[in-house]
Amino acid sequence: MTTNFRLNLLLGIFVGLIIGMNLLGGKIIDFFGVSASVGIFMVPITFLITDIVAEVYGKKAAQQFVNIGVIALVMIFIYTSIFINLSPNARFLANTEYRTIFGASLRIIIASIIAFIISQSHDVWAFHYWKKKTGDRFLWLRNNLSTIVSQAIDTLTFMTIAFYKITPQFDFAFIIKLAIPFYILKVIFALLDTPFAYLGVRWLKNGAD
């Protein structure tokens, strides 16, 4: 496999995951006693990918992944907004279900895009910051420090924009209460992906030989 193929493969997985989070993440499950979106299984991998790319190709390449991801999200948002409002053919009998599944509120979609931009951009910046401090050592440290803080930003930004004051109960204190167990799960996933960061960096570097 060539270097371009490996990098493009990671980009394809990255874009697929962020689109999947938005299209599939509306389903809530109980995971170890915590009510969580199924998107929780996708989010950590996106941070892992940008960290791998940043380690091998630098901050600029990782930020390009984020920028491309933003463009993909905006395009999906535009198309979804149009498609759910088009009048269906008489043979299409599932229009109500289609609108229910894909017609997430504008506020939630916007919250997701904003949270993605801020958290992923912070992750790229933080990873680069810690890499300058540690050089080629301690990949595990910069991988976890950048991701753990970025996950907090992602969780709080999304939940605040999406749910603040949707009812009187949803004040900031209540949102924090909801966010903490969800964030803890994200941190656990981030810690568990550390070996995959080393494997991913080695795999990407080997493609550059």
N, C-alpha and C. Protein backbone atom coordinates (compact mmCIF):
# COMPACT_ATOMS: atom_id res chain seq x y z
N MET A 1 0.84 -1.20 0.00
CA MET A 1 0.00 0.00 0.00
C MET A 1 0.87 1.25 0.00
N THR A 2 0.51 2.23 -0.81
CA THR A 2 1.28 3.46 -0.88
C THR A 2 0.91 4.40 0.27
N THR A 3 1.78 5.41 0.46
CA THR A 3 1.50 6.39 1.50
C THR A 3 0.16 7.06 1.26
N ASN A 4 -0.09 7.48 0.03
CA ASN A 4 -1.34 8.16 -0.27
C ASN A 4 -2.54 7.27 0.01
N PHE A 5 -2.42 6.01 -0.31
CA PHE A 5 -3.54 5.11 -0.05
C PHE A 5 -3.83 5.02 1.44
N ARG A 6 -2.81 4.87 2.25
CA ARG A 6 -3.02 4.74 3.70
C ARG A 6 -3.62 6.01 4.29
N LEU A 7 -3.12 7.14 3.85
CA LEU A 7 -3.65 8.41 4.34
C LEU A 7 -5.08 8.61 3.86
N ASN A 8 -5.33 8.27 2.60
CA ASN A 8 -6.69 8.40 2.07
C ASN A 8 -7.66 7.43 2.74
N LEU A 9 -7.15 6.25 3.08
CA LEU A 9 -7.98 5.28 3.79
C LEU A 9 -8.41 5.83 5.14
N LEU A 10 -7.47 6.42 5.87
CA LEU A 10 -7.81 7.03 7.16
C LEU A 10 -8.80 8.17 6.98
N LEU A 11 -8.62 8.97 5.93
CA LEU A 11 -9.54 10.07 5.67
C LEU A 11 -10.94 9.55 5.38
N GLY A 12 -11.02 8.48 4.58
CA GLY A 12 -12.32 7.89 4.27
C GLY A 12 -13.01 7.37 5.52
N ILE A 13 -12.25 6.70 6.39
CA ILE A 13 -12.82 6.19 7.64
C ILE A 13 -13.27 7.35 8.53
N PHE A 14 -12.45 8.38 8.59
CA PHE A 14 -12.74 9.56 9.41
C PHE A 14 -14.05 10.23 8.98
N VAL A 15 -14.17 10.49 7.68
CA VAL A 15 -15.38 11.13 7.17
C VAL A 15 -16.60 10.22 7.36
N GLY A 16 -16.41 8.93 7.09
CA GLY A 16 -17.51 7.98 7.29
C GLY A 16 -18.00 7.97 8.72
N LEU A 17 -17.08 8.03 9.67
CA LEU A 17 -17.45 8.00 11.08
C LEU A 17 -18.21 9.26 11.51
N ILE A 18 -17.75 10.42 11.06
CA ILE A 18 -18.42 11.65 11.51
C ILE A 18 -19.80 11.79 10.88
N ILE A 19 -19.95 11.30 9.65
CA ILE A 19 -21.29 11.29 9.05
C ILE A 19 -22.16 10.26 9.77
N GLY A 20 -21.58 9.10 10.08
CA GLY A 20 -22.31 8.06 10.80
C GLY A 20 -22.77 8.53 12.16
N MET A 21 -21.95 9.30 12.86
CA MET A 21 -22.32 9.80 14.18
C MET A 21 -23.59 10.64 14.10
N ASN A 22 -23.70 11.42 13.04
CA ASN A 22 -24.84 12.32 12.89
C ASN A 22 -26.08 11.59 12.39
N LEU A 23 -25.90 10.62 11.50
CA LEU A 23 -27.05 9.92 10.95
C LEU A 23 -27.56 8.81 11.88
N LEU A 24 -26.64 8.17 12.61
CA LEU A 24 -27.01 7.02 13.43
C LEU A 24 -27.05 7.32 14.93
N GLY A 25 -26.50 8.47 15.31
CA GLY A 25 -26.32 8.76 16.73
C GLY A 25 -27.57 9.09 17.51
N GLY A 26 -28.72 9.15 16.84
CA GLY A 26 -29.94 9.47 17.54
C GLY A 26 -30.45 8.36 18.44
N LYS A 27 -29.94 7.15 18.24
CA LYS A 27 -30.38 6.03 19.08
C LYS A 27 -29.66 6.05 20.42
N ILE A 28 -30.44 5.99 21.50
CA ILE A 28 -29.89 6.00 22.86
C ILE A 28 -29.95 4.59 23.44
N ILE A 29 -28.84 4.16 24.02
CA ILE A 29 -28.78 2.84 24.64
C ILE A 29 -28.33 2.98 26.08
N ASP A 30 -28.50 1.92 26.85
CA ASP A 30 -27.95 1.85 28.20
C ASP A 30 -26.62 1.12 28.12
N PHE A 31 -25.56 1.81 28.49
CA PHE A 31 -24.22 1.23 28.40
C PHE A 31 -23.56 1.33 29.76
N PHE A 32 -23.48 0.19 30.45
CA PHE A 32 -22.95 0.15 31.82
C PHE A 32 -23.68 1.15 32.72
N GLY A 33 -24.99 1.17 32.58
CA GLY A 33 -25.80 2.02 33.44
C GLY A 33 -25.89 3.47 33.03
N VAL A 34 -25.26 3.81 31.91
CA VAL A 34 -25.28 5.20 31.43
C VAL A 34 -26.09 5.26 30.15
N SER A 35 -27.00 6.23 30.07
CA SER A 35 -27.73 6.45 28.83
C SER A 35 -26.82 7.17 27.86
N ALA A 36 -26.53 6.53 26.75
CA ALA A 36 -25.55 7.09 25.81
C ALA A 36 -25.99 6.88 24.38
N SER A 37 -25.61 7.83 23.54
CA SER A 37 -25.83 7.68 22.10
C SER A 37 -24.92 6.58 21.56
N VAL A 38 -25.41 5.85 20.55
CA VAL A 38 -24.56 4.83 19.93
C VAL A 38 -23.33 5.48 19.27
N GLY A 39 -23.40 6.79 19.07
CA GLY A 39 -22.26 7.50 18.49
C GLY A 39 -21.02 7.45 19.36
N ILE A 40 -21.20 7.07 20.64
CA ILE A 40 -20.05 7.00 21.54
C ILE A 40 -19.01 5.97 21.08
N PHE A 41 -19.45 5.01 20.26
CA PHE A 41 -18.51 4.02 19.74
C PHE A 41 -17.73 4.55 18.54
N MET A 42 -18.16 5.68 17.99
CA MET A 42 -17.51 6.26 16.82
C MET A 42 -16.61 7.44 17.18
N VAL A 43 -17.06 8.25 18.13
CA VAL A 43 -16.35 9.49 18.46
C VAL A 43 -14.88 9.26 18.81
N PRO A 44 -14.53 8.31 19.70
CA PRO A 44 -13.11 8.16 20.06
C PRO A 44 -12.21 7.82 18.87
N ILE A 45 -12.75 7.10 17.89
CA ILE A 45 -11.92 6.71 16.75
C ILE A 45 -11.56 7.92 15.90
N THR A 46 -12.45 8.92 15.85
CA THR A 46 -12.13 10.12 15.06
C THR A 46 -10.96 10.87 15.69
N PHE A 47 -10.94 10.95 17.01
CA PHE A 47 -9.81 11.61 17.68
C PHE A 47 -8.54 10.79 17.52
N LEU A 48 -8.67 9.48 17.57
CA LEU A 48 -7.52 8.60 17.38
C LEU A 48 -6.91 8.82 16.00
N ILE A 49 -7.74 8.92 14.98
CA ILE A 49 -7.24 9.09 13.61
C ILE A 49 -6.48 10.40 13.46
N THR A 50 -7.04 11.50 13.95
CA THR A 50 -6.34 12.77 13.80
C THR A 50 -5.03 12.79 14.59
N ASP A 51 -4.99 12.09 15.73
CA ASP A 51 -3.74 12.00 16.49
C ASP A 51 -2.68 11.20 15.72
N ILE A 52 -3.09 10.13 15.09
CA ILE A 52 -2.16 9.32 14.28
C ILE A 52 -1.61 10.14 13.13
N VAL A 53 -2.49 10.85 12.45
CA VAL A 53 -2.07 11.67 11.31
C VAL A 53 -1.16 12.80 11.78
N ALA A 54 -1.50 13.43 12.90
CA ALA A 54 -0.68 14.52 13.43
C ALA A 54 0.71 14.03 13.82
N GLU A 55 0.79 12.83 14.38
CA GLU A 55 2.07 12.27 14.80
C GLU A 55 3.00 12.03 13.61
N VAL A 56 2.43 11.55 12.51
CA VAL A 56 3.26 11.18 11.36
C VAL A 56 3.45 12.34 10.39
N TYR A 57 2.38 13.08 10.10
CA TYR A 57 2.43 14.10 9.06
C TYR A 57 2.30 15.54 9.58
N GLY A 58 2.05 15.70 10.86
CA GLY A 58 2.05 17.03 11.43
C GLY A 58 0.68 17.67 11.58
N LYS A 59 0.71 18.85 12.19
CA LYS A 59 -0.51 19.58 12.53
C LYS A 59 -1.32 19.94 11.30
N LYS A 60 -0.66 20.38 10.24
CA LYS A 60 -1.38 20.85 9.05
C LYS A 60 -2.20 19.74 8.42
N ALA A 61 -1.62 18.55 8.32
CA ALA A 61 -2.33 17.42 7.71
C ALA A 61 -3.54 17.02 8.56
N ALA A 62 -3.36 17.01 9.88
CA ALA A 62 -4.48 16.65 10.77
C ALA A 62 -5.59 17.68 10.69
N GLN A 63 -5.21 18.96 10.61
CA GLN A 63 -6.23 20.01 10.50
C GLN A 63 -6.98 19.91 9.18
N GLN A 64 -6.30 19.46 8.13
CA GLN A 64 -6.97 19.25 6.85
C GLN A 64 -8.05 18.17 6.97
N PHE A 65 -7.78 17.13 7.75
CA PHE A 65 -8.80 16.11 8.01
C PHE A 65 -10.04 16.75 8.64
N VAL A 66 -9.81 17.61 9.63
CA VAL A 66 -10.92 18.27 10.32
C VAL A 66 -11.69 19.15 9.35
N ASN A 67 -10.98 19.92 8.54
CA ASN A 67 -11.64 20.82 7.59
C ASN A 67 -12.49 20.05 6.58
N ILE A 68 -11.95 18.95 6.09
CA ILE A 68 -12.70 18.12 5.14
C ILE A 68 -13.92 17.52 5.84
N GLY A 69 -13.77 17.12 7.09
CA GLY A 69 -14.88 16.59 7.85
C GLY A 69 -15.99 17.61 8.01
N VAL A 70 -15.62 18.87 8.25
CA VAL A 70 -16.62 19.93 8.39
C VAL A 70 -17.39 20.12 7.09
N ILE A 71 -16.67 20.12 5.98
CA ILE A 71 -17.32 20.27 4.67
C ILE A 71 -18.31 19.13 4.45
N ALA A 72 -17.89 17.91 4.78
CA ALA A 72 -18.78 16.74 4.61
C ALA A 72 -20.03 16.88 5.47
N LEU A 73 -19.86 17.32 6.72
CA LEU A 73 -21.01 17.48 7.62
C LEU A 73 -21.98 18.53 7.11
N VAL A 74 -21.45 19.64 6.64
CA VAL A 74 -22.30 20.71 6.14
C VAL A 74 -23.06 20.24 4.91
N MET A 75 -22.39 19.51 4.02
CA MET A 75 -23.07 19.00 2.83
C MET A 75 -24.19 18.03 3.19
N ILE A 76 -23.92 17.13 4.12
CA ILE A 76 -24.95 16.18 4.55
C ILE A 76 -26.12 16.92 5.19
N PHE A 77 -25.82 17.95 5.97
CA PHE A 77 -26.87 18.75 6.60
C PHE A 77 -27.76 19.41 5.54
N ILE A 78 -27.13 20.00 4.52
CA ILE A 78 -27.90 20.67 3.47
C ILE A 78 -28.77 19.68 2.71
N TYR A 79 -28.18 18.56 2.29
CA TYR A 79 -28.94 17.57 1.54
C TYR A 79 -30.07 16.97 2.39
N THR A 80 -29.78 16.69 3.65
CA THR A 80 -30.82 16.13 4.52
C THR A 80 -31.98 17.10 4.68
N SER A 81 -31.67 18.39 4.87
CA SER A 81 -32.70 19.40 5.03
C SER A 81 -33.59 19.47 3.80
N ILE A 82 -32.99 19.31 2.62
CA ILE A 82 -33.76 19.34 1.37
C ILE A 82 -34.58 18.07 1.20
N PHE A 83 -33.93 16.93 1.39
CA PHE A 83 -34.58 15.65 1.08
C PHE A 83 -35.78 15.36 1.97
N ILE A 84 -35.70 15.71 3.25
CA ILE A 84 -36.82 15.39 4.15
C ILE A 84 -38.05 16.24 3.84
N ASN A 85 -37.84 17.33 3.10
CA ASN A 85 -38.95 18.21 2.77
C ASN A 85 -39.49 18.02 1.36
N LEU A 86 -38.86 17.15 0.58
CA LEU A 86 -39.37 16.87 -0.76
C LEU A 86 -40.62 16.01 -0.67
N SER A 87 -41.57 16.27 -1.53
CA SER A 87 -42.78 15.46 -1.56
C SER A 87 -42.46 14.07 -2.10
N PRO A 88 -42.92 13.02 -1.43
CA PRO A 88 -42.57 11.66 -1.85
C PRO A 88 -43.42 11.19 -3.01
N ASN A 89 -42.91 10.23 -3.75
CA ASN A 89 -43.68 9.52 -4.75
C ASN A 89 -44.76 8.69 -4.05
N ALA A 90 -45.85 8.46 -4.74
CA ALA A 90 -46.95 7.70 -4.14
C ALA A 90 -46.54 6.30 -3.72
N ARG A 91 -45.54 5.74 -4.39
CA ARG A 91 -45.08 4.39 -4.06
C ARG A 91 -44.22 4.35 -2.80
N PHE A 92 -43.73 5.52 -2.40
CA PHE A 92 -42.89 5.57 -1.20
C PHE A 92 -43.78 5.75 0.02
N LEU A 93 -43.94 4.69 0.80
CA LEU A 93 -44.91 4.68 1.89
C LEU A 93 -44.29 4.95 3.26
N ALA A 94 -43.02 5.24 3.28
CA ALA A 94 -42.34 5.40 4.58
C ALA A 94 -41.84 6.82 4.79
N ASN A 95 -42.56 7.79 4.21
CA ASN A 95 -42.08 9.17 4.31
C ASN A 95 -42.09 9.68 5.75
N THR A 96 -43.10 9.30 6.52
CA THR A 96 -43.17 9.73 7.93
C THR A 96 -41.98 9.19 8.70
N GLU A 97 -41.69 7.91 8.50
CA GLU A 97 -40.54 7.29 9.17
C GLU A 97 -39.22 7.91 8.70
N TYR A 98 -39.16 8.20 7.41
CA TYR A 98 -37.96 8.83 6.84
C TYR A 98 -37.70 10.18 7.51
N ARG A 99 -38.75 10.98 7.64
CA ARG A 99 -38.62 12.29 8.27
C ARG A 99 -38.28 12.16 9.75
N THR A 100 -38.85 11.15 10.40
CA THR A 100 -38.56 10.95 11.81
C THR A 100 -37.10 10.58 12.04
N ILE A 101 -36.59 9.68 11.20
CA ILE A 101 -35.22 9.20 11.36
C ILE A 101 -34.20 10.26 10.99
N PHE A 102 -34.40 10.91 9.85
CA PHE A 102 -33.38 11.84 9.35
C PHE A 102 -33.68 13.30 9.66
N GLY A 103 -34.88 13.56 10.17
CA GLY A 103 -35.24 14.95 10.41
C GLY A 103 -34.91 15.43 11.80
N ALA A 104 -33.69 15.19 12.23
CA ALA A 104 -33.27 15.70 13.54
C ALA A 104 -33.41 17.21 13.54
N SER A 105 -33.65 17.75 14.70
CA SER A 105 -33.88 19.18 14.78
C SER A 105 -32.66 19.94 14.31
N LEU A 106 -32.92 21.11 13.73
CA LEU A 106 -31.84 21.97 13.23
C LEU A 106 -30.86 22.29 14.35
N ARG A 107 -31.39 22.50 15.54
CA ARG A 107 -30.54 22.87 16.67
C ARG A 107 -29.54 21.76 16.99
N ILE A 108 -29.98 20.50 16.98
CA ILE A 108 -29.10 19.39 17.31
C ILE A 108 -28.01 19.22 16.25
N ILE A 109 -28.38 19.37 14.99
CA ILE A 109 -27.40 19.22 13.92
C ILE A 109 -26.36 20.33 13.99
N ILE A 110 -26.82 21.55 14.21
CA ILE A 110 -25.89 22.67 14.34
C ILE A 110 -24.98 22.48 15.55
N ALA A 111 -25.55 22.00 16.65
CA ALA A 111 -24.75 21.73 17.85
C ALA A 111 -23.65 20.71 17.56
N SER A 112 -24.00 19.69 16.80
CA SER A 112 -23.03 18.65 16.46
C SER A 112 -21.90 19.21 15.61
N ILE A 113 -22.23 20.05 14.64
CA ILE A 113 -21.20 20.62 13.76
C ILE A 113 -20.28 21.55 14.53
N ILE A 114 -20.86 22.42 15.36
CA ILE A 114 -20.04 23.35 16.14
C ILE A 114 -19.14 22.61 17.12
N ALA A 115 -19.70 21.61 17.81
CA ALA A 115 -18.90 20.83 18.76
C ALA A 115 -17.76 20.11 18.05
N PHE A 116 -18.04 19.59 16.86
CA PHE A 116 -17.01 18.90 16.09
C PHE A 116 -15.87 19.85 15.72
N ILE A 117 -16.22 21.03 15.21
CA ILE A 117 -15.19 21.99 14.79
C ILE A 117 -14.31 22.38 15.96
N ILE A 118 -14.93 22.75 17.08
CA ILE A 118 -14.16 23.25 18.22
C ILE A 118 -13.32 22.15 18.84
N SER A 119 -13.91 20.98 19.10
CA SER A 119 -13.20 19.91 19.81
C SER A 119 -12.10 19.30 18.96
N GLN A 120 -12.38 19.07 17.68
CA GLN A 120 -11.36 18.47 16.82
C GLN A 120 -10.21 19.44 16.56
N SER A 121 -10.53 20.72 16.38
CA SER A 121 -9.46 21.71 16.18
C SER A 121 -8.60 21.83 17.43
N HIS A 122 -9.25 21.77 18.60
CA HIS A 122 -8.48 21.80 19.85
C HIS A 122 -7.59 20.57 19.96
N ASP A 123 -8.12 19.41 19.58
CA ASP A 123 -7.34 18.18 19.68
C ASP A 123 -6.09 18.27 18.83
N VAL A 124 -6.23 18.77 17.60
CA VAL A 124 -5.07 18.93 16.71
C VAL A 124 -4.05 19.89 17.33
N TRP A 125 -4.56 21.03 17.83
CA TRP A 125 -3.67 22.01 18.44
C TRP A 125 -2.98 21.44 19.67
N ALA A 126 -3.73 20.78 20.56
CA ALA A 126 -3.18 20.26 21.80
C ALA A 126 -2.16 19.15 21.54
N PHE A 127 -2.46 18.28 20.58
CA PHE A 127 -1.52 17.22 20.26
C PHE A 127 -0.20 17.81 19.77
N HIS A 128 -0.29 18.82 18.91
CA HIS A 128 0.91 19.48 18.40
C HIS A 128 1.67 20.17 19.54
N TYR A 129 0.95 20.80 20.46
CA TYR A 129 1.56 21.47 21.60
C TYR A 129 2.37 20.49 22.45
N TRP A 130 1.75 19.35 22.78
CA TRP A 130 2.45 18.37 23.61
C TRP A 130 3.56 17.67 22.85
N LYS A 131 3.44 17.57 21.54
CA LYS A 131 4.52 16.97 20.76
C LYS A 131 5.76 17.87 20.77
N LYS A 132 5.54 19.17 20.74
CA LYS A 132 6.68 20.09 20.82
C LYS A 132 7.36 19.98 22.18
N LYS A 133 6.56 19.68 23.22
CA LYS A 133 7.12 19.56 24.57
C LYS A 133 7.85 18.23 24.77
N THR A 134 7.37 17.16 24.14
CA THR A 134 7.88 15.82 24.41
C THR A 134 8.72 15.24 23.27
N GLY A 135 8.73 15.89 22.12
CA GLY A 135 9.49 15.36 20.98
C GLY A 135 8.87 14.08 20.46
N ASP A 136 9.72 13.09 20.22
CA ASP A 136 9.24 11.82 19.70
C ASP A 136 8.88 10.83 20.82
N ARG A 137 9.03 11.26 22.07
CA ARG A 137 8.71 10.39 23.20
C ARG A 137 7.29 10.60 23.67
N PHE A 138 6.81 9.66 24.45
CA PHE A 138 5.54 9.79 25.17
C PHE A 138 4.34 10.04 24.26
N LEU A 139 4.23 9.24 23.20
CA LEU A 139 3.05 9.33 22.35
C LEU A 139 1.78 9.11 23.18
N TRP A 140 1.84 8.18 24.11
CA TRP A 140 0.67 7.87 24.94
C TRP A 140 0.19 9.09 25.72
N LEU A 141 1.17 9.95 26.13
CA LEU A 141 0.83 11.12 26.94
C LEU A 141 0.10 12.16 26.10
N ARG A 142 0.65 12.52 24.95
CA ARG A 142 0.01 13.55 24.13
C ARG A 142 -1.29 13.04 23.51
N ASN A 143 -1.34 11.75 23.20
CA ASN A 143 -2.58 11.17 22.68
C ASN A 143 -3.71 11.30 23.69
N ASN A 144 -3.42 10.98 24.95
CA ASN A 144 -4.46 11.01 25.98
C ASN A 144 -4.76 12.41 26.48
N LEU A 145 -3.73 13.24 26.68
CA LEU A 145 -3.98 14.59 27.16
C LEU A 145 -4.82 15.39 26.17
N SER A 146 -4.46 15.31 24.91
CA SER A 146 -5.20 16.08 23.90
C SER A 146 -6.63 15.57 23.77
N THR A 147 -6.79 14.24 23.76
CA THR A 147 -8.11 13.67 23.53
C THR A 147 -9.04 13.86 24.73
N ILE A 148 -8.53 13.68 25.94
CA ILE A 148 -9.38 13.78 27.13
C ILE A 148 -9.95 15.19 27.28
N VAL A 149 -9.12 16.19 27.07
CA VAL A 149 -9.61 17.57 27.16
C VAL A 149 -10.57 17.87 26.01
N SER A 150 -10.23 17.41 24.81
CA SER A 150 -11.07 17.67 23.64
C SER A 150 -12.43 16.99 23.77
N GLN A 151 -12.46 15.80 24.38
CA GLN A 151 -13.74 15.11 24.59
C GLN A 151 -14.62 15.90 25.55
N ALA A 152 -14.02 16.53 26.54
CA ALA A 152 -14.79 17.37 27.47
C ALA A 152 -15.40 18.55 26.72
N ILE A 153 -14.60 19.16 25.87
CA ILE A 153 -15.09 20.29 25.06
C ILE A 153 -16.22 19.84 24.15
N ASP A 154 -16.04 18.69 23.50
CA ASP A 154 -17.05 18.16 22.59
C ASP A 154 -18.36 17.90 23.32
N THR A 155 -18.28 17.23 24.46
CA THR A 155 -19.48 16.85 25.20
C THR A 155 -20.23 18.07 25.72
N LEU A 156 -19.53 18.99 26.34
CA LEU A 156 -20.18 20.16 26.93
C LEU A 156 -20.72 21.10 25.86
N THR A 157 -19.95 21.28 24.79
CA THR A 157 -20.40 22.18 23.72
C THR A 157 -21.66 21.64 23.08
N PHE A 158 -21.65 20.35 22.72
CA PHE A 158 -22.81 19.77 22.07
C PHE A 158 -24.04 19.82 22.97
N MET A 159 -23.90 19.36 24.20
CA MET A 159 -25.07 19.25 25.08
C MET A 159 -25.62 20.62 25.46
N THR A 160 -24.75 21.60 25.60
CA THR A 160 -25.21 22.94 25.94
C THR A 160 -25.98 23.56 24.78
N ILE A 161 -25.41 23.51 23.58
CA ILE A 161 -26.08 24.11 22.42
C ILE A 161 -27.36 23.35 22.08
N ALA A 162 -27.32 22.03 22.18
CA ALA A 162 -28.46 21.21 21.76
C ALA A 162 -29.62 21.26 22.76
N PHE A 163 -29.31 21.33 24.07
CA PHE A 163 -30.37 21.09 25.05
C PHE A 163 -30.60 22.21 26.06
N TYR A 164 -29.74 23.22 26.09
CA TYR A 164 -29.90 24.27 27.11
C TYR A 164 -31.26 24.96 26.97
N LYS A 165 -32.03 24.90 28.05
CA LYS A 165 -33.33 25.56 28.17
C LYS A 165 -34.39 25.03 27.20
N ILE A 166 -34.22 23.78 26.70
CA ILE A 166 -35.31 23.22 25.89
C ILE A 166 -36.54 23.02 26.77
N THR A 167 -36.30 22.82 28.08
CA THR A 167 -37.34 22.90 29.11
C THR A 167 -36.69 23.61 30.30
N PRO A 168 -37.48 24.13 31.23
CA PRO A 168 -36.89 24.82 32.39
C PRO A 168 -35.90 23.95 33.16
N GLN A 169 -36.10 22.62 33.12
CA GLN A 169 -35.21 21.72 33.86
C GLN A 169 -33.80 21.72 33.30
N PHE A 170 -33.67 21.99 32.01
CA PHE A 170 -32.37 21.87 31.36
C PHE A 170 -31.55 23.15 31.54
N ASP A 171 -31.24 23.48 32.80
CA ASP A 171 -30.30 24.57 33.03
C ASP A 171 -28.88 24.01 32.95
N PHE A 172 -27.89 24.87 33.12
CA PHE A 172 -26.51 24.44 32.91
C PHE A 172 -26.10 23.37 33.92
N ALA A 173 -26.56 23.49 35.14
CA ALA A 173 -26.21 22.50 36.18
C ALA A 173 -26.75 21.12 35.81
N PHE A 174 -27.98 21.08 35.28
CA PHE A 174 -28.57 19.80 34.89
C PHE A 174 -27.82 19.20 33.71
N ILE A 175 -27.40 20.04 32.76
CA ILE A 175 -26.64 19.56 31.61
C ILE A 175 -25.30 18.96 32.06
N ILE A 176 -24.64 19.62 33.01
CA ILE A 176 -23.39 19.08 33.54
C ILE A 176 -23.62 17.72 34.17
N LYS A 177 -24.71 17.59 34.91
CA LYS A 177 -25.04 16.32 35.56
C LYS A 177 -25.23 15.21 34.53
N LEU A 178 -25.89 15.53 33.42
CA LEU A 178 -26.09 14.55 32.36
C LEU A 178 -24.78 14.24 31.63
N ALA A 179 -23.94 15.25 31.49
CA ALA A 179 -22.73 15.10 30.67
C ALA A 179 -21.63 14.28 31.36
N ILE A 180 -21.55 14.35 32.68
CA ILE A 180 -20.43 13.73 33.39
C ILE A 180 -20.31 12.23 33.13
N PRO A 181 -21.36 11.42 33.33
CA PRO A 181 -21.19 9.98 33.07
C PRO A 181 -20.90 9.67 31.61
N PHE A 182 -21.50 10.44 30.71
CA PHE A 182 -21.25 10.27 29.28
C PHE A 182 -19.78 10.57 28.96
N TYR A 183 -19.26 11.63 29.58
CA TYR A 183 -17.86 12.01 29.38
C TYR A 183 -16.91 10.96 29.95
N ILE A 184 -17.25 10.41 31.10
CA ILE A 184 -16.40 9.38 31.71
C ILE A 184 -16.25 8.18 30.77
N LEU A 185 -17.35 7.79 30.13
CA LEU A 185 -17.27 6.70 29.15
C LEU A 185 -16.32 7.05 28.01
N LYS A 186 -16.39 8.29 27.55
CA LYS A 186 -15.50 8.72 26.47
C LYS A 186 -14.04 8.66 26.90
N VAL A 187 -13.77 9.05 28.15
CA VAL A 187 -12.40 9.01 28.67
C VAL A 187 -11.89 7.56 28.72
N ILE A 188 -12.75 6.65 29.15
CA ILE A 188 -12.36 5.24 29.21
C ILE A 188 -12.01 4.73 27.82
N PHE A 189 -12.85 5.07 26.84
CA PHE A 189 -12.55 4.67 25.47
C PHE A 189 -11.23 5.28 24.99
N ALA A 190 -10.98 6.53 25.36
CA ALA A 190 -9.75 7.20 24.94
C ALA A 190 -8.52 6.50 25.52
N LEU A 191 -8.61 6.08 26.77
CA LEU A 191 -7.49 5.37 27.39
C LEU A 191 -7.27 4.00 26.75
N LEU A 192 -8.37 3.35 26.41
CA LEU A 192 -8.26 2.01 25.81
C LEU A 192 -7.69 2.04 24.39
N ASP A 193 -7.80 3.18 23.72
CA ASP A 193 -7.32 3.21 22.33
C ASP A 193 -5.83 3.52 22.21
N THR A 194 -5.14 3.71 23.36
CA THR A 194 -3.71 4.06 23.33
C THR A 194 -2.87 3.05 22.55
N PRO A 195 -3.03 1.73 22.76
CA PRO A 195 -2.24 0.79 21.95
C PRO A 195 -2.49 0.93 20.45
N PHE A 196 -3.71 1.29 20.09
CA PHE A 196 -4.04 1.45 18.67
C PHE A 196 -3.38 2.70 18.09
N ALA A 197 -3.11 3.69 18.95
CA ALA A 197 -2.37 4.87 18.48
C ALA A 197 -0.96 4.46 18.05
N TYR A 198 -0.30 3.63 18.86
CA TYR A 198 1.05 3.16 18.50
C TYR A 198 1.01 2.30 17.24
N LEU A 199 0.04 1.41 17.16
CA LEU A 199 -0.07 0.55 15.98
C LEU A 199 -0.37 1.37 14.73
N GLY A 200 -1.26 2.36 14.88
CA GLY A 200 -1.62 3.19 13.74
C GLY A 200 -0.46 4.04 13.25
N VAL A 201 0.31 4.59 14.17
CA VAL A 201 1.48 5.40 13.79
C VAL A 201 2.51 4.52 13.08
N ARG A 202 2.76 3.33 13.60
CA ARG A 202 3.72 2.43 12.96
C ARG A 202 3.24 2.05 11.56
N TRP A 203 1.95 1.75 11.44
CA TRP A 203 1.38 1.36 10.14
C TRP A 203 1.50 2.49 9.12
N LEU A 204 1.21 3.74 9.56
CA LEU A 204 1.27 4.87 8.65
C LEU A 204 2.71 5.21 8.28
N LYS A 205 3.62 5.09 9.25
CA LYS A 205 5.03 5.36 8.97
C LYS A 205 5.61 4.35 8.01
N ASN A 206 5.23 3.09 8.18
CA ASN A 206 5.72 2.03 7.27
C ASN A 206 5.30 2.32 5.83
N GLY A 207 4.13 2.92 5.66
CA GLY A 207 3.66 3.25 4.33
C GLY A 207 4.46 4.38 3.71
N ALA A 208 5.15 5.14 4.57
CA ALA A 208 5.95 6.27 4.07
C ALA A 208 7.35 5.84 3.67
N ASP A 209 7.71 4.58 3.94
CA ASP A 209 9.06 4.12 3.61
C ASP A 209 9.23 3.92 2.10
